[in-house]
Amino acid sequence: MQALNWEELQVGQEVEPLVKPAIEKVQLVKYAGASGDFNLIHTDDETARKVGLPGVIAHGMLSMGFLGQYTAQMVGPNGFVSRLQVRFAGMVRPGDVLTCRAKVTGKNDEARTVDLEISVEKEEGKALTYGEATITFLKRG
């Protein structure tokens, strides 16, 4: 994804989605190490089933990380992500292909900020993680 252009962004605009490849168990093990969250429901099927899950589930924060990556790519070198807030609504499992989506909900010319409605979906229209973000564009001059 190329960085978005401040001048071209409009309220109501849907941003080009970011599709993440299928979640793999090795990715969950690596994320556990990077995050320090070694809860076995994220890496061991037997443990996950013992607590009533269908098997291993991804860390919720992994989906939030994908949304952070997505919003950072949107603004690129033109600015920064100044706010990212999410809620977790569903489980992500190995094999899931996830799509990050965003829609422009506000634009402040004076502050050069863009507010976004963001989500991670496995199936279109069914958010597993959803929330809001603000990207701030640097003033050129």
C-alpha atoms as a PDB file:
ATOM      1  CA  MET A   1       0.000   0.000   0.000  1.00  0.00           C
ATOM      2  CA  GLN A   2       1.236   3.459  -0.874  1.00  0.00           C
ATOM      3  CA  ALA A   3       0.934   6.276   1.641  1.00  0.00           C
ATOM      4  CA  LEU A   4      -2.262   8.270   1.275  1.00  0.00           C
ATOM      5  CA  ASN A   5      -2.291  11.852   0.087  1.00  0.00           C
ATOM      6  CA  TRP A   6      -3.791  14.371   2.555  1.00  0.00           C
ATOM      7  CA  GLU A   7      -5.413  16.464  -0.174  1.00  0.00           C
ATOM      8  CA  GLU A   8      -7.215  13.516  -1.759  1.00  0.00           C
ATOM      9  CA  LEU A   9      -8.771  12.071   1.405  1.00  0.00           C
ATOM     10  CA  GLN A  10     -12.497  12.696   1.807  1.00  0.00           C
ATOM     11  CA  VAL A  11     -15.000  11.876   4.557  1.00  0.00           C
ATOM     12  CA  GLY A  12     -16.863   8.696   3.604  1.00  0.00           C
ATOM     13  CA  GLN A  13     -13.972   7.367   1.534  1.00  0.00           C
ATOM     14  CA  GLU A  14     -13.108   3.696   1.950  1.00  0.00           C
ATOM     15  CA  VAL A  15      -9.380   3.059   2.010  1.00  0.00           C
ATOM     16  CA  GLU A  16      -7.816   0.257  -0.015  1.00  0.00           C
ATOM     17  CA  PRO A  17      -7.906  -2.808   2.270  1.00  0.00           C
ATOM     18  CA  LEU A  18      -4.855  -4.689   3.500  1.00  0.00           C
ATOM     19  CA  VAL A  19      -5.115  -8.480   3.227  1.00  0.00           C
ATOM     20  CA  LYS A  20      -2.955 -10.482   5.615  1.00  0.00           C
ATOM     21  CA  PRO A  21      -1.953 -14.012   4.564  1.00  0.00           C
ATOM     22  CA  ALA A  22      -3.325 -17.011   6.429  1.00  0.00           C
ATOM     23  CA  ILE A  23      -2.394 -17.020  10.111  1.00  0.00           C
ATOM     24  CA  GLU A  24       0.082 -19.809  10.826  1.00  0.00           C
ATOM     25  CA  LYS A  25       0.767 -21.450  14.161  1.00  0.00           C
ATOM     26  CA  VAL A  26       4.460 -20.534  13.913  1.00  0.00           C
ATOM     27  CA  GLN A  27       3.386 -16.864  13.661  1.00  0.00           C
ATOM     28  CA  LEU A  28       1.509 -17.272  16.961  1.00  0.00           C
ATOM     29  CA  VAL A  29       4.565 -18.798  18.631  1.00  0.00           C
ATOM     30  CA  LYS A  30       6.732 -15.927  17.390  1.00  0.00           C
ATOM     31  CA  TYR A  31       4.156 -13.380  18.548  1.00  0.00           C
ATOM     32  CA  ALA A  32       4.044 -15.018  21.993  1.00  0.00           C
ATOM     33  CA  GLY A  33       7.797 -14.539  22.261  1.00  0.00           C
ATOM     34  CA  ALA A  34       7.705 -10.960  21.012  1.00  0.00           C
ATOM     35  CA  SER A  35       4.812  -9.942  23.266  1.00  0.00           C
ATOM     36  CA  GLY A  36       5.700 -11.966  26.338  1.00  0.00           C
ATOM     37  CA  ASP A  37       2.206 -13.510  26.348  1.00  0.00           C
ATOM     38  CA  PHE A  38       2.888 -17.221  26.694  1.00  0.00           C
ATOM     39  CA  ASN A  39      -0.685 -18.297  27.512  1.00  0.00           C
ATOM     40  CA  LEU A  40      -0.857 -21.768  25.987  1.00  0.00           C
ATOM     41  CA  ILE A  41      -4.301 -21.183  24.437  1.00  0.00           C
ATOM     42  CA  HIS A  42      -2.362 -19.358  21.723  1.00  0.00           C
ATOM     43  CA  THR A  43       0.140 -22.110  20.954  1.00  0.00           C
ATOM     44  CA  ASP A  44      -1.112 -25.505  22.239  1.00  0.00           C
ATOM     45  CA  ASP A  45      -4.298 -27.108  20.861  1.00  0.00           C
ATOM     46  CA  GLU A  46      -4.731 -29.459  23.819  1.00  0.00           C
ATOM     47  CA  THR A  47      -4.636 -26.632  26.354  1.00  0.00           C
ATOM     48  CA  ALA A  48      -7.008 -24.534  24.250  1.00  0.00           C
ATOM     49  CA  ARG A  49      -9.513 -27.413  24.037  1.00  0.00           C
ATOM     50  CA  LYS A  50      -9.306 -28.032  27.789  1.00  0.00           C
ATOM     51  CA  VAL A  51     -10.633 -24.518  28.400  1.00  0.00           C
ATOM     52  CA  GLY A  52     -13.481 -24.932  25.901  1.00  0.00           C
ATOM     53  CA  LEU A  53     -11.966 -23.445  22.769  1.00  0.00           C
ATOM     54  CA  PRO A  54     -12.062 -25.218  19.391  1.00  0.00           C
ATOM     55  CA  GLY A  55      -8.250 -25.119  19.320  1.00  0.00           C
ATOM     56  CA  VAL A  56      -5.503 -22.522  19.335  1.00  0.00           C
ATOM     57  CA  ILE A  57      -6.617 -18.900  18.942  1.00  0.00           C
ATOM     58  CA  ALA A  58      -4.516 -15.888  17.995  1.00  0.00           C
ATOM     59  CA  HIS A  59      -3.659 -13.181  20.491  1.00  0.00           C
ATOM     60  CA  GLY A  60      -6.165 -10.340  20.219  1.00  0.00           C
ATOM     61  CA  MET A  61      -3.277  -7.916  20.224  1.00  0.00           C
ATOM     62  CA  LEU A  62      -2.000  -9.510  16.997  1.00  0.00           C
ATOM     63  CA  SER A  63      -5.107  -8.197  15.210  1.00  0.00           C
ATOM     64  CA  MET A  64      -4.562  -4.811  16.815  1.00  0.00           C
ATOM     65  CA  GLY A  65      -0.979  -4.930  15.556  1.00  0.00           C
ATOM     66  CA  PHE A  66      -2.249  -5.555  12.032  1.00  0.00           C
ATOM     67  CA  LEU A  67      -4.444  -2.451  12.327  1.00  0.00           C
ATOM     68  CA  GLY A  68      -1.463  -0.473  13.600  1.00  0.00           C
ATOM     69  CA  GLN A  69       0.569  -1.629  10.611  1.00  0.00           C
ATOM     70  CA  TYR A  70      -2.289  -0.748   8.260  1.00  0.00           C
ATOM     71  CA  THR A  71      -2.797   2.774   9.611  1.00  0.00           C
ATOM     72  CA  ALA A  72       0.954   3.430   9.693  1.00  0.00           C
ATOM     73  CA  GLN A  73       1.179   2.406   6.028  1.00  0.00           C
ATOM     74  CA  MET A  74      -1.694   4.765   5.221  1.00  0.00           C
ATOM     75  CA  VAL A  75       0.151   7.823   6.490  1.00  0.00           C
ATOM     76  CA  GLY A  76       3.647   6.542   5.630  1.00  0.00           C
ATOM     77  CA  PRO A  77       6.436   9.141   5.853  1.00  0.00           C
ATOM     78  CA  ASN A  78       3.838  11.918   5.647  1.00  0.00           C
ATOM     79  CA  GLY A  79       2.940  11.730   9.345  1.00  0.00           C
ATOM     80  CA  PHE A  80       2.110   9.315  12.153  1.00  0.00           C
ATOM     81  CA  VAL A  81      -0.644   7.352  13.862  1.00  0.00           C
ATOM     82  CA  SER A  82      -1.752   9.536  16.773  1.00  0.00           C
ATOM     83  CA  ARG A  83      -4.566   7.336  18.107  1.00  0.00           C
ATOM     84  CA  LEU A  84      -5.502   3.663  17.822  1.00  0.00           C
ATOM     85  CA  GLN A  85      -8.336   2.189  19.852  1.00  0.00           C
ATOM     86  CA  VAL A  86      -9.945  -1.221  19.312  1.00  0.00           C
ATOM     87  CA  ARG A  87     -12.342  -3.784  20.730  1.00  0.00           C
ATOM     88  CA  PHE A  88     -12.112  -7.507  20.219  1.00  0.00           C
ATOM     89  CA  ALA A  89     -15.309  -9.155  18.992  1.00  0.00           C
ATOM     90  CA  GLY A  90     -14.274 -12.555  17.668  1.00  0.00           C
ATOM     91  CA  MET A  91     -11.573 -15.194  17.581  1.00  0.00           C
ATOM     92  CA  VAL A  92      -8.837 -15.512  14.991  1.00  0.00           C
ATOM     93  CA  ARG A  93      -7.626 -19.036  14.314  1.00  0.00           C
ATOM     94  CA  PRO A  94      -4.765 -20.565  12.337  1.00  0.00           C
ATOM     95  CA  GLY A  95      -5.680 -20.646   8.663  1.00  0.00           C
ATOM     96  CA  ASP A  96      -7.744 -17.454   8.803  1.00  0.00           C
ATOM     97  CA  VAL A  97      -7.038 -14.885   6.108  1.00  0.00           C
ATOM     98  CA  LEU A  98      -7.719 -11.440   7.531  1.00  0.00           C
ATOM     99  CA  THR A  99      -8.645  -8.198   5.803  1.00  0.00           C
ATOM    100  CA  CYS A 100      -7.981  -4.825   7.412  1.00  0.00           C
ATOM    101  CA  ARG A 101     -10.487  -2.156   6.371  1.00  0.00           C
ATOM    102  CA  ALA A 102     -10.797   1.563   6.998  1.00  0.00           C
ATOM    103  CA  LYS A 103     -13.257   4.323   6.235  1.00  0.00           C
ATOM    104  CA  VAL A 104     -12.594   8.044   6.652  1.00  0.00           C
ATOM    105  CA  THR A 105     -15.024   9.440   9.247  1.00  0.00           C
ATOM    106  CA  GLY A 106     -13.540  12.878   9.808  1.00  0.00           C
ATOM    107  CA  LYS A 107     -10.962  15.315   8.509  1.00  0.00           C
ATOM    108  CA  ASN A 108      -9.624  18.337  10.389  1.00  0.00           C
ATOM    109  CA  ASP A 109      -7.879  20.791   8.071  1.00  0.00           C
ATOM    110  CA  GLU A 110      -6.375  22.891  10.871  1.00  0.00           C
ATOM    111  CA  ALA A 111      -4.870  19.946  12.777  1.00  0.00           C
ATOM    112  CA  ARG A 112      -4.233  17.959   9.557  1.00  0.00           C
ATOM    113  CA  THR A 113      -5.794  14.846  11.100  1.00  0.00           C
ATOM    114  CA  VAL A 114      -7.930  12.139   9.569  1.00  0.00           C
ATOM    115  CA  ASP A 115     -10.236  10.003  11.713  1.00  0.00           C
ATOM    116  CA  LEU A 116     -10.860   6.447  10.618  1.00  0.00           C
ATOM    117  CA  GLU A 117     -13.255   3.649  11.415  1.00  0.00           C
ATOM    118  CA  ILE A 118     -11.094   0.504  11.272  1.00  0.00           C
ATOM    119  CA  SER A 119     -11.694  -3.240  11.385  1.00  0.00           C
ATOM    120  CA  VAL A 120     -10.204  -6.671  10.866  1.00  0.00           C
ATOM    121  CA  GLU A 121     -12.518  -9.131   9.156  1.00  0.00           C
ATOM    122  CA  LYS A 122     -12.394 -12.793   8.257  1.00  0.00           C
ATOM    123  CA  GLU A 123     -15.682 -12.509   6.378  1.00  0.00           C
ATOM    124  CA  GLU A 124     -16.759  -9.238   4.810  1.00  0.00           C
ATOM    125  CA  GLY A 125     -19.009  -7.272   7.105  1.00  0.00           C
ATOM    126  CA  LYS A 126     -18.186  -9.338  10.218  1.00  0.00           C
ATOM    127  CA  ALA A 127     -15.499  -7.565  12.235  1.00  0.00           C
ATOM    128  CA  LEU A 128     -13.367  -9.649  14.598  1.00  0.00           C
ATOM    129  CA  THR A 129     -11.577  -6.520  15.802  1.00  0.00           C
ATOM    130  CA  TYR A 130     -12.917  -3.023  15.283  1.00  0.00           C
ATOM    131  CA  GLY A 131     -12.280   0.502  16.441  1.00  0.00           C
ATOM    132  CA  GLU A 132     -11.051   3.929  15.558  1.00  0.00           C
ATOM    133  CA  ALA A 133      -7.777   5.541  14.598  1.00  0.00           C
ATOM    134  CA  THR A 134      -6.491   9.005  13.897  1.00  0.00           C
ATOM    135  CA  ILE A 135      -3.608   9.718  11.578  1.00  0.00           C
ATOM    136  CA  THR A 136      -1.832  13.060  11.720  1.00  0.00           C
ATOM    137  CA  PHE A 137      -0.218  14.465   8.623  1.00  0.00           C
ATOM    138  CA  LEU A 138       2.878  16.618   9.002  1.00  0.00           C
ATOM    139  CA  LYS A 139       2.552  20.236   7.955  1.00  0.00           C
ATOM    140  CA  ARG A 140       4.604  21.021   4.913  1.00  0.00           C
ATOM    141  CA  GLY A 141       6.046  24.393   4.552  1.00  0.00           C
END
